[in-house]
């Protein structure tokens, strides 16, 4: 399946850089940032080629939700199939683009249901040279957290890049169903920074004054944002903490209430650290993640 792309530059003159947004249909900061980038780059590309895909998952976007009507999560079915469902076909088209590039940036947010403390992340690639490229890209992107995670996670755009030996990073910035202007601006600045660092465009890298918090965690399922602190029942979630807040084991993250009965169940943190992800959409099904706690004794800089 062919995805709608915007391109500038000459692929024979230097590195081919792919930047994608809208892998999920409710992650609007990435879409807005890439739309803005397409108006900023133009003749600025002096070496190589930049390919932008502002809305990878058009079918999900048109429904105003994370996934298309086949119910498949695009970030779980890569590399997809050319003869599969709509999401599998999109995954196949995306995987072809990733395999044809030299560097890859995949922009996300928490979508309608989650809010995520801004971060740039990467898989802890077994090849030290590729890993060093990813570390440098993530630092140039300029968000307050840099997170290296489990390299064995599959089904994702970054696992396609891993297997194709393409240095790749992803980014997360808030969410909650809005198109945060601060997030859009941070994404535009981050992409321009990486392109400057790769010498694809001329300019200066603009980084925040504060050093980012860098955490590399190779444990199984680190980086999997949808499995921590599952809801104990169907109902609605009322958080008792905020993004970035420090918590200890046993601290109450929030309560899940049954609207049809008297049950109000506290959800306690099972680890020490700070709140990296927090559910924004109150309605929850049993088993859905309510929060992610980043295990560290350090505190991230503000966004």
C-alpha atoms as a PDB file:
ATOM      1  CA  UNK A   1       0.000   0.000   0.000  1.00  0.00           C
ATOM      2  CA  UNK A   2       1.361   3.397  -0.982  1.00  0.00           C
ATOM      3  CA  UNK A   3       1.393   5.985   1.797  1.00  0.00           C
ATOM      4  CA  UNK A   4       1.039   9.692   1.093  1.00  0.00           C
ATOM      5  CA  UNK A   5       4.479  11.265   1.424  1.00  0.00           C
ATOM      6  CA  UNK A   6       6.189  14.634   1.075  1.00  0.00           C
ATOM      7  CA  UNK A   7       9.801  14.699  -0.104  1.00  0.00           C
ATOM      8  CA  UNK A   8      12.613  17.193  -0.550  1.00  0.00           C
ATOM      9  CA  UNK A   9      16.208  16.763  -1.692  1.00  0.00           C
ATOM     10  CA  UNK A  10      18.094  14.200  -3.720  1.00  0.00           C
ATOM     11  CA  UNK A  11      18.510  10.666  -2.340  1.00  0.00           C
ATOM     12  CA  UNK A  12      21.766  10.238  -4.299  1.00  0.00           C
ATOM     13  CA  UNK A  13      23.459  13.172  -2.551  1.00  0.00           C
ATOM     14  CA  UNK A  14      23.448  11.933   1.060  1.00  0.00           C
ATOM     15  CA  UNK A  15      21.409  10.181   3.749  1.00  0.00           C
ATOM     16  CA  UNK A  16      17.748   9.362   3.247  1.00  0.00           C
ATOM     17  CA  UNK A  17      15.789  10.408   6.336  1.00  0.00           C
ATOM     18  CA  UNK A  18      12.238   9.191   6.988  1.00  0.00           C
ATOM     19  CA  UNK A  19      10.019  10.965   9.540  1.00  0.00           C
ATOM     20  CA  UNK A  20       6.536   9.638  10.282  1.00  0.00           C
ATOM     21  CA  UNK A  21       3.538  10.829  12.275  1.00  0.00           C
ATOM     22  CA  UNK A  22       0.038   9.541  12.821  1.00  0.00           C
ATOM     23  CA  UNK A  23       0.918   5.866  13.202  1.00  0.00           C
ATOM     24  CA  UNK A  24      -2.086   6.003  15.500  1.00  0.00           C
ATOM     25  CA  UNK A  25      -5.060   8.027  14.329  1.00  0.00           C
ATOM     26  CA  UNK A  26      -5.472  10.070  17.523  1.00  0.00           C
ATOM     27  CA  UNK A  27      -1.887  11.335  17.900  1.00  0.00           C
ATOM     28  CA  UNK A  28      -2.245  14.850  16.556  1.00  0.00           C
ATOM     29  CA  UNK A  29       0.974  16.586  17.651  1.00  0.00           C
ATOM     30  CA  UNK A  30       2.993  14.485  15.211  1.00  0.00           C
ATOM     31  CA  UNK A  31       0.662  15.218  12.311  1.00  0.00           C
ATOM     32  CA  UNK A  32       0.721  18.959  12.920  1.00  0.00           C
ATOM     33  CA  UNK A  33       4.497  19.017  13.330  1.00  0.00           C
ATOM     34  CA  UNK A  34       5.155  17.222  10.051  1.00  0.00           C
ATOM     35  CA  UNK A  35       2.657  19.400   8.224  1.00  0.00           C
ATOM     36  CA  UNK A  36       4.555  22.428   9.524  1.00  0.00           C
ATOM     37  CA  UNK A  37       7.911  20.875   8.623  1.00  0.00           C
ATOM     38  CA  UNK A  38       6.816  20.404   5.028  1.00  0.00           C
ATOM     39  CA  UNK A  39       6.417  24.164   4.815  1.00  0.00           C
ATOM     40  CA  UNK A  40       9.753  24.883   6.508  1.00  0.00           C
ATOM     41  CA  UNK A  41      12.141  22.545   4.728  1.00  0.00           C
ATOM     42  CA  UNK A  42      11.649  23.126   1.019  1.00  0.00           C
ATOM     43  CA  UNK A  43      14.984  24.327  -0.374  1.00  0.00           C
ATOM     44  CA  UNK A  44      16.737  23.920   2.992  1.00  0.00           C
ATOM     45  CA  UNK A  45      17.700  20.311   2.250  1.00  0.00           C
ATOM     46  CA  UNK A  46      21.301  20.594   1.080  1.00  0.00           C
ATOM     47  CA  UNK A  47      22.336  16.933   1.290  1.00  0.00           C
ATOM     48  CA  UNK A  48      20.333  13.745   0.960  1.00  0.00           C
ATOM     49  CA  UNK A  49      16.563  13.446   1.027  1.00  0.00           C
ATOM     50  CA  UNK A  50      13.852  13.957   3.654  1.00  0.00           C
ATOM     51  CA  UNK A  51      10.610  11.990   3.384  1.00  0.00           C
ATOM     52  CA  UNK A  52       7.687  12.996   5.604  1.00  0.00           C
ATOM     53  CA  UNK A  53       4.551  10.940   6.200  1.00  0.00           C
ATOM     54  CA  UNK A  54       2.306  13.197   8.329  1.00  0.00           C
ATOM     55  CA  UNK A  55      -0.526  10.652   8.696  1.00  0.00           C
ATOM     56  CA  UNK A  56       0.567   7.039   8.311  1.00  0.00           C
ATOM     57  CA  UNK A  57      -2.707   5.576   9.569  1.00  0.00           C
ATOM     58  CA  UNK A  58      -5.277   7.524   7.563  1.00  0.00           C
ATOM     59  CA  UNK A  59      -8.037   4.968   8.175  1.00  0.00           C
ATOM     60  CA  UNK A  60      -7.713   5.369  11.950  1.00  0.00           C
ATOM     61  CA  UNK A  61      -7.445   9.160  11.687  1.00  0.00           C
ATOM     62  CA  UNK A  62     -10.689   9.366   9.729  1.00  0.00           C
ATOM     63  CA  UNK A  63     -12.381   7.423  12.537  1.00  0.00           C
ATOM     64  CA  UNK A  64     -10.837   9.722  15.152  1.00  0.00           C
ATOM     65  CA  UNK A  65      -9.351   6.827  17.095  1.00  0.00           C
ATOM     66  CA  UNK A  66      -6.118   4.931  17.728  1.00  0.00           C
ATOM     67  CA  UNK A  67      -6.855   2.053  15.339  1.00  0.00           C
ATOM     68  CA  UNK A  68      -8.759   1.478  12.106  1.00  0.00           C
ATOM     69  CA  UNK A  69     -11.988  -0.500  11.929  1.00  0.00           C
ATOM     70  CA  UNK A  70     -10.163  -3.838  11.652  1.00  0.00           C
ATOM     71  CA  UNK A  71      -9.165  -3.352  15.299  1.00  0.00           C
ATOM     72  CA  UNK A  72      -5.435  -3.971  14.700  1.00  0.00           C
ATOM     73  CA  UNK A  73      -2.828  -1.747  16.311  1.00  0.00           C
ATOM     74  CA  UNK A  74      -0.410  -0.606  13.609  1.00  0.00           C
ATOM     75  CA  UNK A  75       2.385  -0.587  16.200  1.00  0.00           C
ATOM     76  CA  UNK A  76       1.868  -4.302  16.831  1.00  0.00           C
ATOM     77  CA  UNK A  77       1.485  -5.771  13.325  1.00  0.00           C
ATOM     78  CA  UNK A  78       4.606  -4.526  11.526  1.00  0.00           C
ATOM     79  CA  UNK A  79       5.995  -5.530   9.057  1.00  0.00           C
ATOM     80  CA  UNK A  80       2.433  -6.276   7.938  1.00  0.00           C
ATOM     81  CA  UNK A  81       1.181  -8.029   4.796  1.00  0.00           C
ATOM     82  CA  UNK A  82       0.437  -6.691   1.317  1.00  0.00           C
ATOM     83  CA  UNK A  83      -2.720  -8.839   1.124  1.00  0.00           C
ATOM     84  CA  UNK A  84      -3.952  -8.335   4.708  1.00  0.00           C
ATOM     85  CA  UNK A  85      -6.453  -6.033   6.380  1.00  0.00           C
ATOM     86  CA  UNK A  86      -6.207  -2.263   6.037  1.00  0.00           C
ATOM     87  CA  UNK A  87      -3.835  -1.953   9.013  1.00  0.00           C
ATOM     88  CA  UNK A  88      -1.654  -4.835   7.828  1.00  0.00           C
ATOM     89  CA  UNK A  89      -1.406  -3.250   4.379  1.00  0.00           C
ATOM     90  CA  UNK A  90      -0.454   0.112   5.888  1.00  0.00           C
ATOM     91  CA  UNK A  91       2.154  -1.648   8.050  1.00  0.00           C
ATOM     92  CA  UNK A  92       3.582  -3.272   4.922  1.00  0.00           C
ATOM     93  CA  UNK A  93       3.790   0.086   3.138  1.00  0.00           C
ATOM     94  CA  UNK A  94       5.413   1.705   6.166  1.00  0.00           C
ATOM     95  CA  UNK A  95       7.926  -1.138   6.471  1.00  0.00           C
ATOM     96  CA  UNK A  96       8.952  -0.690   2.837  1.00  0.00           C
ATOM     97  CA  UNK A  97       9.642   3.005   3.474  1.00  0.00           C
ATOM     98  CA  UNK A  98      11.683   2.185   6.576  1.00  0.00           C
ATOM     99  CA  UNK A  99      13.723  -0.404   4.694  1.00  0.00           C
ATOM    100  CA  UNK A 100      14.574   2.182   2.020  1.00  0.00           C
ATOM    101  CA  UNK A 101      15.871   4.884   4.395  1.00  0.00           C
ATOM    102  CA  UNK A 102      19.129   5.482   6.251  1.00  0.00           C
ATOM    103  CA  UNK A 103      17.697   7.138   9.380  1.00  0.00           C
ATOM    104  CA  UNK A 104      14.198   7.007  10.843  1.00  0.00           C
ATOM    105  CA  UNK A 105      12.236   9.209  13.282  1.00  0.00           C
ATOM    106  CA  UNK A 106       8.761   8.091  14.406  1.00  0.00           C
ATOM    107  CA  UNK A 107       6.696  10.718  16.260  1.00  0.00           C
ATOM    108  CA  UNK A 108       3.914   9.716  18.668  1.00  0.00           C
ATOM    109  CA  UNK A 109       1.932  10.991  21.650  1.00  0.00           C
ATOM    110  CA  UNK A 110      -0.366   9.412  24.209  1.00  0.00           C
ATOM    111  CA  UNK A 111      -3.322   9.756  21.864  1.00  0.00           C
ATOM    112  CA  UNK A 112      -6.800  10.309  23.258  1.00  0.00           C
ATOM    113  CA  UNK A 113      -6.381   7.927  26.192  1.00  0.00           C
ATOM    114  CA  UNK A 114      -2.941   8.602  27.661  1.00  0.00           C
ATOM    115  CA  UNK A 115      -0.600  11.478  28.488  1.00  0.00           C
ATOM    116  CA  UNK A 116       3.155  10.839  28.284  1.00  0.00           C
ATOM    117  CA  UNK A 117       6.003  12.842  29.795  1.00  0.00           C
ATOM    118  CA  UNK A 118       7.962  14.075  26.747  1.00  0.00           C
ATOM    119  CA  UNK A 119      10.721  11.671  25.742  1.00  0.00           C
ATOM    120  CA  UNK A 120      12.873  10.446  22.891  1.00  0.00           C
ATOM    121  CA  UNK A 121      13.527   6.724  22.862  1.00  0.00           C
ATOM    122  CA  UNK A 122      15.183   3.899  20.992  1.00  0.00           C
ATOM    123  CA  UNK A 123      15.632   0.149  21.112  1.00  0.00           C
ATOM    124  CA  UNK A 124      18.946  -0.946  22.613  1.00  0.00           C
ATOM    125  CA  UNK A 125      20.264  -2.244  19.313  1.00  0.00           C
ATOM    126  CA  UNK A 126      22.852  -5.050  19.588  1.00  0.00           C
ATOM    127  CA  UNK A 127      25.115  -3.311  17.062  1.00  0.00           C
ATOM    128  CA  UNK A 128      27.151  -0.698  18.997  1.00  0.00           C
ATOM    129  CA  UNK A 129      27.546   1.548  15.946  1.00  0.00           C
ATOM    130  CA  UNK A 130      23.785   1.695  15.308  1.00  0.00           C
ATOM    131  CA  UNK A 131      23.116   2.198  19.020  1.00  0.00           C
ATOM    132  CA  UNK A 132      25.533   5.134  19.099  1.00  0.00           C
ATOM    133  CA  UNK A 133      23.740   6.714  16.129  1.00  0.00           C
ATOM    134  CA  UNK A 134      20.425   6.338  17.978  1.00  0.00           C
ATOM    135  CA  UNK A 135      21.807   7.835  21.176  1.00  0.00           C
ATOM    136  CA  UNK A 136      23.075  10.836  19.241  1.00  0.00           C
ATOM    137  CA  UNK A 137      19.758  11.306  17.416  1.00  0.00           C
ATOM    138  CA  UNK A 138      17.789  11.109  20.670  1.00  0.00           C
ATOM    139  CA  UNK A 139      20.062  13.668  22.359  1.00  0.00           C
ATOM    140  CA  UNK A 140      19.802  16.033  19.382  1.00  0.00           C
ATOM    141  CA  UNK A 141      16.019  15.770  19.484  1.00  0.00           C
ATOM    142  CA  UNK A 142      16.106  17.738  22.718  1.00  0.00           C
ATOM    143  CA  UNK A 143      13.337  16.305  24.929  1.00  0.00           C
ATOM    144  CA  UNK A 144      13.710  16.009  28.723  1.00  0.00           C
ATOM    145  CA  UNK A 145      13.932  12.187  28.848  1.00  0.00           C
ATOM    146  CA  UNK A 146      16.044   9.829  26.741  1.00  0.00           C
ATOM    147  CA  UNK A 147      14.990   6.206  27.128  1.00  0.00           C
ATOM    148  CA  UNK A 148      16.686   3.136  25.699  1.00  0.00           C
ATOM    149  CA  UNK A 149      14.567   0.007  26.024  1.00  0.00           C
ATOM    150  CA  UNK A 150      14.113  -3.717  25.391  1.00  0.00           C
ATOM    151  CA  UNK A 151      15.496  -4.467  21.909  1.00  0.00           C
ATOM    152  CA  UNK A 152      13.385  -7.614  21.500  1.00  0.00           C
ATOM    153  CA  UNK A 153       9.950  -5.952  21.204  1.00  0.00           C
ATOM    154  CA  UNK A 154       8.400  -6.854  17.849  1.00  0.00           C
ATOM    155  CA  UNK A 155       5.558  -5.625  15.655  1.00  0.00           C
ATOM    156  CA  UNK A 156       6.642  -2.004  15.821  1.00  0.00           C
ATOM    157  CA  UNK A 157       8.052   0.455  13.340  1.00  0.00           C
ATOM    158  CA  UNK A 158      11.287   0.488  15.346  1.00  0.00           C
ATOM    159  CA  UNK A 159      11.555  -3.308  15.245  1.00  0.00           C
ATOM    160  CA  UNK A 160      11.365  -3.089  11.444  1.00  0.00           C
ATOM    161  CA  UNK A 161      14.179  -0.514  11.563  1.00  0.00           C
ATOM    162  CA  UNK A 162      16.126  -2.733  13.964  1.00  0.00           C
ATOM    163  CA  UNK A 163      15.930  -5.687  11.590  1.00  0.00           C
ATOM    164  CA  UNK A 164      16.828  -3.478   8.608  1.00  0.00           C
ATOM    165  CA  UNK A 165      19.798  -2.040  10.551  1.00  0.00           C
ATOM    166  CA  UNK A 166      18.435   1.491  10.238  1.00  0.00           C
ATOM    167  CA  UNK A 167      19.228   3.817  13.185  1.00  0.00           C
ATOM    168  CA  UNK A 168      15.839   4.875  14.530  1.00  0.00           C
ATOM    169  CA  UNK A 169      14.285   6.840  17.379  1.00  0.00           C
ATOM    170  CA  UNK A 170      10.729   7.542  18.457  1.00  0.00           C
ATOM    171  CA  UNK A 171       9.290  10.427  20.444  1.00  0.00           C
ATOM    172  CA  UNK A 172       6.320  10.864  22.784  1.00  0.00           C
ATOM    173  CA  UNK A 173       4.815  14.186  23.849  1.00  0.00           C
ATOM    174  CA  UNK A 174       1.741  14.424  26.077  1.00  0.00           C
ATOM    175  CA  UNK A 175      -1.526  13.545  24.319  1.00  0.00           C
ATOM    176  CA  UNK A 176      -4.951  13.381  25.924  1.00  0.00           C
ATOM    177  CA  UNK A 177      -6.846  13.982  22.708  1.00  0.00           C
ATOM    178  CA  UNK A 178      -5.605  17.524  22.060  1.00  0.00           C
ATOM    179  CA  UNK A 179      -3.011  18.926  19.665  1.00  0.00           C
ATOM    180  CA  UNK A 180      -0.690  20.538  22.179  1.00  0.00           C
ATOM    181  CA  UNK A 181       1.052  23.569  20.575  1.00  0.00           C
ATOM    182  CA  UNK A 182       4.075  23.181  22.851  1.00  0.00           C
ATOM    183  CA  UNK A 183       4.407  19.585  21.680  1.00  0.00           C
ATOM    184  CA  UNK A 184       4.104  20.585  18.030  1.00  0.00           C
ATOM    185  CA  UNK A 185       6.827  23.203  18.461  1.00  0.00           C
ATOM    186  CA  UNK A 186       9.080  20.735  20.308  1.00  0.00           C
ATOM    187  CA  UNK A 187       8.654  18.173  17.530  1.00  0.00           C
ATOM    188  CA  UNK A 188       9.456  20.697  14.794  1.00  0.00           C
ATOM    189  CA  UNK A 189      12.546  21.842  16.686  1.00  0.00           C
ATOM    190  CA  UNK A 190      13.609  18.247  17.406  1.00  0.00           C
ATOM    191  CA  UNK A 191      13.333  17.136  13.793  1.00  0.00           C
ATOM    192  CA  UNK A 192      15.266  20.186  12.580  1.00  0.00           C
ATOM    193  CA  UNK A 193      17.957  19.478  15.199  1.00  0.00           C
ATOM    194  CA  UNK A 194      18.417  15.902  13.982  1.00  0.00           C
ATOM    195  CA  UNK A 195      18.524  17.017  10.349  1.00  0.00           C
ATOM    196  CA  UNK A 196      21.192  19.591  11.218  1.00  0.00           C
ATOM    197  CA  UNK A 197      23.185  16.958  13.102  1.00  0.00           C
ATOM    198  CA  UNK A 198      23.010  14.658  10.064  1.00  0.00           C
ATOM    199  CA  UNK A 199      24.115  17.592   7.874  1.00  0.00           C
ATOM    200  CA  UNK A 200      20.989  17.255   5.776  1.00  0.00           C
ATOM    201  CA  UNK A 201      20.143  20.904   6.389  1.00  0.00           C
ATOM    202  CA  UNK A 202      22.323  23.812   7.494  1.00  0.00           C
ATOM    203  CA  UNK A 203      21.809  25.526  10.821  1.00  0.00           C
ATOM    204  CA  UNK A 204      22.439  25.264  14.541  1.00  0.00           C
ATOM    205  CA  UNK A 205      21.136  22.678  16.989  1.00  0.00           C
ATOM    206  CA  UNK A 206      18.876  24.299  19.590  1.00  0.00           C
ATOM    207  CA  UNK A 207      18.782  22.367  22.862  1.00  0.00           C
ATOM    208  CA  UNK A 208      17.191  23.172  26.237  1.00  0.00           C
ATOM    209  CA  UNK A 209      19.479  24.479  28.953  1.00  0.00           C
ATOM    210  CA  UNK A 210      18.842  21.506  31.257  1.00  0.00           C
ATOM    211  CA  UNK A 211      20.514  18.144  30.701  1.00  0.00           C
ATOM    212  CA  UNK A 212      18.066  15.344  29.815  1.00  0.00           C
ATOM    213  CA  UNK A 213      17.482  12.383  32.095  1.00  0.00           C
ATOM    214  CA  UNK A 214      19.030   9.381  30.323  1.00  0.00           C
ATOM    215  CA  UNK A 215      17.860   5.884  31.262  1.00  0.00           C
ATOM    216  CA  UNK A 216      18.717   2.659  29.449  1.00  0.00           C
ATOM    217  CA  UNK A 217      16.756  -0.370  30.592  1.00  0.00           C
ATOM    218  CA  UNK A 218      17.320  -3.650  28.706  1.00  0.00           C
ATOM    219  CA  UNK A 219      14.826  -5.652  30.775  1.00  0.00           C
ATOM    220  CA  UNK A 220      12.059  -7.526  28.989  1.00  0.00           C
ATOM    221  CA  UNK A 221       9.101  -5.312  28.042  1.00  0.00           C
ATOM    222  CA  UNK A 222      10.758  -2.052  29.092  1.00  0.00           C
ATOM    223  CA  UNK A 223       9.288   0.545  26.757  1.00  0.00           C
ATOM    224  CA  UNK A 224       5.933  -1.271  26.551  1.00  0.00           C
ATOM    225  CA  UNK A 225       3.574   1.491  27.731  1.00  0.00           C
ATOM    226  CA  UNK A 226       0.338  -0.501  27.797  1.00  0.00           C
ATOM    227  CA  UNK A 227       1.004  -3.179  30.416  1.00  0.00           C
ATOM    228  CA  UNK A 228       1.845  -1.497  33.742  1.00  0.00           C
ATOM    229  CA  UNK A 229      -0.737  -1.003  36.495  1.00  0.00           C
ATOM    230  CA  UNK A 230      -3.760  -2.612  34.796  1.00  0.00           C
ATOM    231  CA  UNK A 231      -7.247  -1.590  35.827  1.00  0.00           C
ATOM    232  CA  UNK A 232      -8.768  -4.099  38.272  1.00  0.00           C
ATOM    233  CA  UNK A 233     -12.278  -3.662  36.853  1.00  0.00           C
ATOM    234  CA  UNK A 234     -14.386  -1.946  34.243  1.00  0.00           C
ATOM    235  CA  UNK A 235     -15.353   1.575  35.205  1.00  0.00           C
ATOM    236  CA  UNK A 236     -13.875   5.055  35.280  1.00  0.00           C
ATOM    237  CA  UNK A 237     -10.452   6.132  36.495  1.00  0.00           C
ATOM    238  CA  UNK A 238      -9.767   9.153  38.686  1.00  0.00           C
ATOM    239  CA  UNK A 239      -6.023   9.848  38.998  1.00  0.00           C
ATOM    240  CA  UNK A 240      -4.492  10.835  42.328  1.00  0.00           C
ATOM    241  CA  UNK A 241      -1.080  11.794  40.892  1.00  0.00           C
ATOM    242  CA  UNK A 242       0.314  13.979  38.126  1.00  0.00           C
ATOM    243  CA  UNK A 243       2.820  13.383  35.345  1.00  0.00           C
ATOM    244  CA  UNK A 244       6.356  13.619  36.696  1.00  0.00           C
ATOM    245  CA  UNK A 245       5.296  13.103  40.304  1.00  0.00           C
ATOM    246  CA  UNK A 246       7.522  10.852  42.414  1.00  0.00           C
ATOM    247  CA  UNK A 247       5.865   7.778  43.910  1.00  0.00           C
ATOM    248  CA  UNK A 248       6.878   4.853  46.112  1.00  0.00           C
ATOM    249  CA  UNK A 249       5.570   1.279  46.232  1.00  0.00           C
ATOM    250  CA  UNK A 250       2.099   1.356  47.750  1.00  0.00           C
ATOM    251  CA  UNK A 251       1.344   4.962  46.862  1.00  0.00           C
ATOM    252  CA  UNK A 252      -2.125   5.376  45.368  1.00  0.00           C
ATOM    253  CA  UNK A 253      -2.013   6.313  41.677  1.00  0.00           C
ATOM    254  CA  UNK A 254      -5.782   6.711  41.474  1.00  0.00           C
ATOM    255  CA  UNK A 255      -9.104   4.953  41.915  1.00  0.00           C
ATOM    256  CA  UNK A 256     -11.290   2.936  39.566  1.00  0.00           C
ATOM    257  CA  UNK A 257     -15.014   3.157  40.283  1.00  0.00           C
ATOM    258  CA  UNK A 258     -17.823   0.906  39.110  1.00  0.00           C
ATOM    259  CA  UNK A 259     -20.598   3.249  37.906  1.00  0.00           C
ATOM    260  CA  UNK A 260     -23.178   0.469  38.376  1.00  0.00           C
ATOM    261  CA  UNK A 261     -22.196  -0.530  41.904  1.00  0.00           C
ATOM    262  CA  UNK A 262     -20.446   0.527  45.099  1.00  0.00           C
ATOM    263  CA  UNK A 263     -16.925  -0.664  44.199  1.00  0.00           C
ATOM    264  CA  UNK A 264     -14.183   1.967  44.362  1.00  0.00           C
ATOM    265  CA  UNK A 265     -10.797   0.291  44.063  1.00  0.00           C
ATOM    266  CA  UNK A 266      -7.493   2.066  44.724  1.00  0.00           C
ATOM    267  CA  UNK A 267      -4.648   1.331  42.285  1.00  0.00           C
ATOM    268  CA  UNK A 268      -1.274   1.356  44.001  1.00  0.00           C
ATOM    269  CA  UNK A 269       2.152   1.828  42.484  1.00  0.00           C
ATOM    270  CA  UNK A 270       4.135  -1.395  42.411  1.00  0.00           C
ATOM    271  CA  UNK A 271       7.490   0.395  42.091  1.00  0.00           C
ATOM    272  CA  UNK A 272       9.427   3.538  43.019  1.00  0.00           C
ATOM    273  CA  UNK A 273      10.104   6.281  40.509  1.00  0.00           C
ATOM    274  CA  UNK A 274       8.145   9.013  38.775  1.00  0.00           C
ATOM    275  CA  UNK A 275       4.914   8.935  36.755  1.00  0.00           C
ATOM    276  CA  UNK A 276       5.899   8.701  33.095  1.00  0.00           C
ATOM    277  CA  UNK A 277       2.472   7.882  31.628  1.00  0.00           C
ATOM    278  CA  UNK A 278      -0.972   8.580  33.059  1.00  0.00           C
ATOM    279  CA  UNK A 279      -4.359   7.656  31.706  1.00  0.00           C
ATOM    280  CA  UNK A 280      -6.294  10.684  30.432  1.00  0.00           C
ATOM    281  CA  UNK A 281      -9.499   8.988  29.210  1.00  0.00           C
ATOM    282  CA  UNK A 282     -11.555   8.115  32.287  1.00  0.00           C
ATOM    283  CA  UNK A 283     -13.478   5.150  30.859  1.00  0.00           C
ATOM    284  CA  UNK A 284     -11.465   1.953  31.341  1.00  0.00           C
ATOM    285  CA  UNK A 285     -11.922  -1.729  30.686  1.00  0.00           C
ATOM    286  CA  UNK A 286     -10.531  -4.304  33.076  1.00  0.00           C
ATOM    287  CA  UNK A 287      -6.856  -4.869  32.329  1.00  0.00           C
ATOM    288  CA  UNK A 288      -6.193  -1.570  30.563  1.00  0.00           C
ATOM    289  CA  UNK A 289      -3.075   0.288  31.717  1.00  0.00           C
ATOM    290  CA  UNK A 290      -3.635   3.249  34.033  1.00  0.00           C
ATOM    291  CA  UNK A 291      -0.091   4.493  34.587  1.00  0.00           C
ATOM    292  CA  UNK A 292       3.570   3.807  33.879  1.00  0.00           C
ATOM    293  CA  UNK A 293       6.141   4.521  36.567  1.00  0.00           C
ATOM    294  CA  UNK A 294       9.720   5.052  35.422  1.00  0.00           C
ATOM    295  CA  UNK A 295      11.969   3.299  37.929  1.00  0.00           C
ATOM    296  CA  UNK A 296      14.680   5.764  38.950  1.00  0.00           C
ATOM    297  CA  UNK A 297      15.706   7.859  41.919  1.00  0.00           C
ATOM    298  CA  UNK A 298      16.283  10.814  39.632  1.00  0.00           C
ATOM    299  CA  UNK A 299      13.787  13.467  38.562  1.00  0.00           C
ATOM    300  CA  UNK A 300      13.328  14.514  34.930  1.00  0.00           C
ATOM    301  CA  UNK A 301      13.783  18.145  33.908  1.00  0.00           C
ATOM    302  CA  UNK A 302      10.569  20.030  33.126  1.00  0.00           C
ATOM    303  CA  UNK A 303       9.202  20.174  29.633  1.00  0.00           C
END
